[in-house]
C-alpha cells in the first residue's frame, strides 16, 4: 500500500496554504499514524519499532522491561527504559496508549 504524505506549501506573499500530495515508495517502513495508538502493555517489539525513534534494540528493551517489571502504569514510565529519553518520549506520547 502506498503511503500518502501531505505537504503544505505557503505561497509567497499571499499567505494561502495549499496541500500537495506526494506518494512515497512502497518499500519504505511504515510509521504509526497519529490515529492509531500503540498499546505499550501488549505491543510486540515489531509493533513498537513502528514508533518514531524506537529501533529494534529499544523495542526489545521495552518488551523486556515490561516482562520484568509488569505493565506500564503510564506512558511516562517509558522513561525508565534505557534508550527512551525525554525527546523520544515526547515524540511518541500521542502515538501510544496504556490499557
N, C-alpha and C. Protein backbone atom coordinates (compact mmCIF):
# COMPACT_ATOMS: atom_id res chain seq x y z
N UNK A 1 0.85 -1.17 0.00
CA UNK A 1 0.00 0.00 0.00
C UNK A 1 0.89 1.23 0.00
N UNK A 2 0.55 2.18 -0.81
CA UNK A 2 1.35 3.39 -0.89
C UNK A 2 0.95 4.34 0.21
N UNK A 3 1.94 4.98 0.78
CA UNK A 3 1.74 5.93 1.85
C UNK A 3 1.65 7.33 1.25
N UNK A 4 0.63 8.05 1.64
CA UNK A 4 0.48 9.42 1.15
C UNK A 4 0.99 10.38 2.20
N UNK A 5 1.73 11.33 1.75
CA UNK A 5 2.26 12.36 2.62
C UNK A 5 1.70 13.69 2.15
N UNK A 6 1.11 14.43 3.07
CA UNK A 6 0.55 15.73 2.70
C UNK A 6 1.55 16.81 3.12
N UNK A 7 1.90 17.60 2.18
CA UNK A 7 2.83 18.70 2.42
C UNK A 7 2.10 20.01 2.09
N UNK A 8 2.19 20.94 2.99
CA UNK A 8 1.56 22.24 2.76
C UNK A 8 2.62 23.24 2.34
N UNK A 9 2.35 23.90 1.24
CA UNK A 9 3.26 24.92 0.73
C UNK A 9 2.64 26.29 0.94
N UNK A 10 3.45 27.20 1.37
CA UNK A 10 3.00 28.56 1.58
C UNK A 10 3.39 29.40 0.37
N UNK A 11 2.37 29.95 -0.31
CA UNK A 11 2.65 30.81 -1.45
C UNK A 11 3.23 32.12 -0.95
N UNK A 12 4.31 32.54 -1.56
CA UNK A 12 4.99 33.78 -1.16
C UNK A 12 4.06 34.99 -1.33
N UNK A 13 3.94 35.75 -0.28
CA UNK A 13 3.19 37.00 -0.33
C UNK A 13 1.68 36.85 -0.24
N UNK A 14 1.14 35.66 -0.44
CA UNK A 14 -0.32 35.51 -0.42
C UNK A 14 -0.80 34.97 0.92
N UNK A 15 0.01 34.17 1.57
CA UNK A 15 -0.38 33.63 2.86
C UNK A 15 -1.41 32.52 2.77
N UNK A 16 -1.55 31.89 1.61
CA UNK A 16 -2.52 30.81 1.43
C UNK A 16 -1.77 29.49 1.46
N UNK A 17 -2.27 28.54 2.23
CA UNK A 17 -1.64 27.24 2.28
C UNK A 17 -2.42 26.27 1.40
N UNK A 18 -1.72 25.56 0.54
CA UNK A 18 -2.34 24.63 -0.39
C UNK A 18 -1.73 23.25 -0.19
N UNK A 19 -2.56 22.21 -0.09
CA UNK A 19 -2.00 20.87 0.09
C UNK A 19 -1.41 20.32 -1.20
N UNK A 20 -0.32 19.62 -1.07
CA UNK A 20 0.31 18.93 -2.18
C UNK A 20 0.51 17.49 -1.74
N UNK A 21 -0.03 16.53 -2.49
CA UNK A 21 0.07 15.13 -2.11
C UNK A 21 1.23 14.50 -2.86
N UNK A 22 2.11 13.86 -2.08
CA UNK A 22 3.27 13.20 -2.63
C UNK A 22 3.19 11.73 -2.28
N UNK A 23 3.40 10.84 -3.23
CA UNK A 23 3.35 9.41 -2.97
C UNK A 23 4.75 8.92 -2.65
N UNK A 24 4.88 8.23 -1.51
CA UNK A 24 6.16 7.69 -1.09
C UNK A 24 6.34 6.29 -1.69
N UNK A 25 7.56 5.82 -1.72
CA UNK A 25 7.84 4.49 -2.25
C UNK A 25 7.22 3.43 -1.35
N UNK A 26 6.78 2.34 -1.95
CA UNK A 26 6.11 1.27 -1.21
C UNK A 26 7.04 0.55 -0.25
N UNK A 27 8.30 0.50 -0.53
CA UNK A 27 9.21 -0.28 0.30
C UNK A 27 9.75 0.47 1.52
N UNK A 28 9.33 1.68 1.73
CA UNK A 28 9.77 2.42 2.91
C UNK A 28 9.01 1.93 4.13
N UNK A 29 9.67 1.89 5.31
CA UNK A 29 9.00 1.42 6.51
C UNK A 29 7.82 2.31 6.86
N UNK A 30 6.76 1.69 7.28
CA UNK A 30 5.56 2.42 7.69
C UNK A 30 5.72 2.89 9.14
N UNK A 31 5.37 4.10 9.42
CA UNK A 31 5.35 4.62 10.78
C UNK A 31 3.90 4.69 11.24
N UNK A 32 3.72 4.73 12.54
CA UNK A 32 2.38 4.74 13.11
C UNK A 32 1.68 6.04 12.79
N UNK A 33 0.46 5.97 12.30
CA UNK A 33 -0.35 7.15 12.05
C UNK A 33 -0.86 7.67 13.38
N UNK A 34 -1.07 8.98 13.47
CA UNK A 34 -1.50 9.59 14.72
C UNK A 34 -2.80 9.00 15.23
N UNK A 35 -3.67 8.53 14.35
CA UNK A 35 -4.96 7.98 14.75
C UNK A 35 -4.84 6.56 15.31
N UNK A 36 -3.71 5.91 15.12
CA UNK A 36 -3.53 4.53 15.57
C UNK A 36 -2.53 4.51 16.71
N UNK A 37 -3.03 4.48 17.93
CA UNK A 37 -2.16 4.47 19.10
C UNK A 37 -1.77 3.03 19.43
N UNK A 38 -0.52 2.84 19.80
CA UNK A 38 0.02 1.53 20.14
C UNK A 38 -0.10 1.33 21.65
N UNK A 39 -0.67 0.20 22.05
CA UNK A 39 -0.77 -0.14 23.47
C UNK A 39 0.59 -0.68 23.91
N UNK A 40 1.31 0.08 24.72
CA UNK A 40 2.66 -0.33 25.12
C UNK A 40 2.65 -1.50 26.09
N UNK A 41 1.49 -1.86 26.63
CA UNK A 41 1.42 -3.02 27.52
C UNK A 41 1.18 -4.33 26.79
N UNK A 42 0.90 -4.28 25.50
CA UNK A 42 0.67 -5.53 24.77
C UNK A 42 1.37 -5.57 23.41
N UNK A 43 1.94 -4.48 22.98
CA UNK A 43 2.57 -4.42 21.66
C UNK A 43 3.82 -5.30 21.61
N UNK A 44 4.01 -5.92 20.47
CA UNK A 44 5.23 -6.71 20.25
C UNK A 44 6.38 -5.75 19.94
N UNK A 45 7.59 -6.29 19.94
CA UNK A 45 8.76 -5.48 19.59
C UNK A 45 8.63 -4.97 18.17
N UNK A 46 8.09 -5.80 17.28
CA UNK A 46 7.92 -5.37 15.88
C UNK A 46 6.95 -4.20 15.79
N UNK A 47 5.87 -4.23 16.55
CA UNK A 47 4.90 -3.12 16.54
C UNK A 47 5.51 -1.86 17.13
N UNK A 48 6.30 -2.01 18.19
CA UNK A 48 6.92 -0.85 18.83
C UNK A 48 7.93 -0.17 17.90
N UNK A 49 8.55 -0.93 17.01
CA UNK A 49 9.53 -0.36 16.08
C UNK A 49 8.89 0.59 15.08
N UNK A 50 7.58 0.56 14.94
CA UNK A 50 6.90 1.49 14.05
C UNK A 50 6.79 2.88 14.64
N UNK A 51 7.12 3.03 15.91
CA UNK A 51 7.08 4.35 16.55
C UNK A 51 8.34 5.13 16.20
N UNK A 52 8.22 6.44 15.99
CA UNK A 52 9.41 7.24 15.65
C UNK A 52 10.43 7.22 16.78
N UNK A 53 11.68 6.94 16.43
CA UNK A 53 12.76 6.94 17.41
C UNK A 53 12.92 5.63 18.16
N UNK A 54 12.08 4.64 17.84
CA UNK A 54 12.18 3.33 18.51
C UNK A 54 12.69 2.32 17.48
N UNK A 55 13.93 1.90 17.66
CA UNK A 55 14.52 0.89 16.78
C UNK A 55 14.39 -0.48 17.41
N UNK A 56 15.00 -1.48 16.78
CA UNK A 56 14.86 -2.86 17.27
C UNK A 56 15.40 -3.07 18.69
N UNK A 57 16.51 -2.46 19.01
CA UNK A 57 17.10 -2.64 20.34
C UNK A 57 16.21 -2.03 21.41
N UNK A 58 15.76 -0.81 21.20
CA UNK A 58 14.90 -0.14 22.18
C UNK A 58 13.56 -0.85 22.29
N UNK A 59 13.02 -1.32 21.19
CA UNK A 59 11.76 -2.06 21.22
C UNK A 59 11.90 -3.31 22.07
N UNK A 60 13.00 -4.04 21.91
CA UNK A 60 13.24 -5.24 22.73
C UNK A 60 13.41 -4.87 24.20
N UNK A 61 14.04 -3.73 24.46
CA UNK A 61 14.20 -3.28 25.86
C UNK A 61 12.86 -2.94 26.49
N UNK A 62 11.95 -2.36 25.71
CA UNK A 62 10.61 -2.04 26.23
C UNK A 62 9.89 -3.32 26.60
N UNK A 63 9.94 -4.31 25.72
CA UNK A 63 9.29 -5.60 26.00
C UNK A 63 9.93 -6.27 27.21
N UNK A 64 11.26 -6.25 27.29
CA UNK A 64 11.96 -6.86 28.41
C UNK A 64 11.62 -6.15 29.73
N UNK A 65 11.57 -4.83 29.69
CA UNK A 65 11.22 -4.06 30.89
C UNK A 65 9.82 -4.42 31.36
N UNK A 66 8.90 -4.50 30.42
CA UNK A 66 7.51 -4.85 30.72
C UNK A 66 7.42 -6.25 31.31
N UNK A 67 8.19 -7.18 30.78
CA UNK A 67 8.20 -8.55 31.28
C UNK A 67 8.77 -8.62 32.70
N UNK A 68 9.83 -7.87 32.94
CA UNK A 68 10.49 -7.90 34.24
C UNK A 68 9.73 -7.12 35.32
N UNK A 69 9.17 -5.96 34.96
CA UNK A 69 8.57 -5.06 35.94
C UNK A 69 7.05 -5.04 35.93
N UNK A 70 6.45 -5.70 34.97
CA UNK A 70 5.00 -5.68 34.87
C UNK A 70 4.52 -4.57 33.95
N UNK A 71 3.22 -4.44 33.86
CA UNK A 71 2.60 -3.48 32.95
C UNK A 71 3.01 -2.04 33.29
N UNK A 72 3.07 -1.22 32.25
CA UNK A 72 3.34 0.20 32.44
C UNK A 72 2.08 0.84 33.02
N UNK A 73 2.23 1.65 34.06
CA UNK A 73 1.09 2.34 34.66
C UNK A 73 0.75 3.62 33.90
N UNK A 74 1.76 4.22 33.26
CA UNK A 74 1.54 5.42 32.47
C UNK A 74 2.57 5.48 31.36
N UNK A 75 2.30 6.30 30.38
CA UNK A 75 3.23 6.48 29.26
C UNK A 75 4.56 7.02 29.79
N UNK A 76 4.52 7.83 30.82
CA UNK A 76 5.74 8.40 31.39
C UNK A 76 6.69 7.34 31.92
N UNK A 77 6.19 6.15 32.25
CA UNK A 77 7.05 5.07 32.74
C UNK A 77 8.05 4.60 31.69
N UNK A 78 7.80 4.89 30.43
CA UNK A 78 8.74 4.51 29.37
C UNK A 78 10.11 5.14 29.57
N UNK A 79 10.17 6.24 30.28
CA UNK A 79 11.44 6.93 30.51
C UNK A 79 12.40 6.04 31.31
N UNK A 80 11.87 5.03 31.99
CA UNK A 80 12.69 4.10 32.77
C UNK A 80 13.44 3.10 31.89
N UNK A 81 13.04 3.01 30.63
CA UNK A 81 13.66 2.06 29.69
C UNK A 81 14.89 2.71 29.07
N UNK A 82 16.01 2.01 29.14
CA UNK A 82 17.24 2.52 28.54
C UNK A 82 17.01 2.71 27.04
N UNK A 83 17.35 3.89 26.54
CA UNK A 83 17.16 4.20 25.13
C UNK A 83 15.97 5.09 24.86
N UNK A 84 15.10 5.25 25.87
CA UNK A 84 13.96 6.15 25.73
C UNK A 84 14.25 7.38 26.58
N UNK A 85 14.59 8.45 25.90
CA UNK A 85 14.86 9.70 26.59
C UNK A 85 13.65 10.61 26.54
N UNK A 86 13.79 11.78 27.10
CA UNK A 86 12.69 12.75 27.16
C UNK A 86 12.21 13.14 25.76
N UNK A 87 13.15 13.34 24.85
CA UNK A 87 12.78 13.74 23.48
C UNK A 87 11.98 12.64 22.79
N UNK A 88 12.45 11.41 22.89
CA UNK A 88 11.72 10.28 22.29
C UNK A 88 10.35 10.14 22.92
N UNK A 89 10.29 10.24 24.23
CA UNK A 89 9.01 10.12 24.94
C UNK A 89 8.02 11.17 24.44
N UNK A 90 8.46 12.40 24.27
CA UNK A 90 7.56 13.45 23.79
C UNK A 90 7.13 13.21 22.34
N UNK A 91 8.04 12.63 21.54
CA UNK A 91 7.70 12.35 20.14
C UNK A 91 6.67 11.23 19.98
N UNK A 92 6.63 10.32 20.93
CA UNK A 92 5.71 9.19 20.81
C UNK A 92 4.50 9.28 21.73
N UNK A 93 4.48 10.27 22.61
CA UNK A 93 3.42 10.39 23.62
C UNK A 93 2.01 10.25 23.04
N UNK A 94 1.73 10.91 21.94
CA UNK A 94 0.40 10.87 21.35
C UNK A 94 0.16 9.64 20.49
N UNK A 95 1.20 8.83 20.31
CA UNK A 95 1.10 7.65 19.47
C UNK A 95 0.99 6.36 20.28
N UNK A 96 1.08 6.48 21.59
CA UNK A 96 0.99 5.29 22.45
C UNK A 96 -0.14 5.45 23.45
N UNK A 97 -0.60 4.31 23.98
CA UNK A 97 -1.64 4.32 24.98
C UNK A 97 -1.37 3.22 26.01
N UNK A 98 -2.07 3.29 27.12
CA UNK A 98 -1.98 2.29 28.19
C UNK A 98 -3.33 1.62 28.30
N UNK A 99 -3.34 0.31 28.27
CA UNK A 99 -4.58 -0.45 28.51
C UNK A 99 -4.29 -1.59 29.43
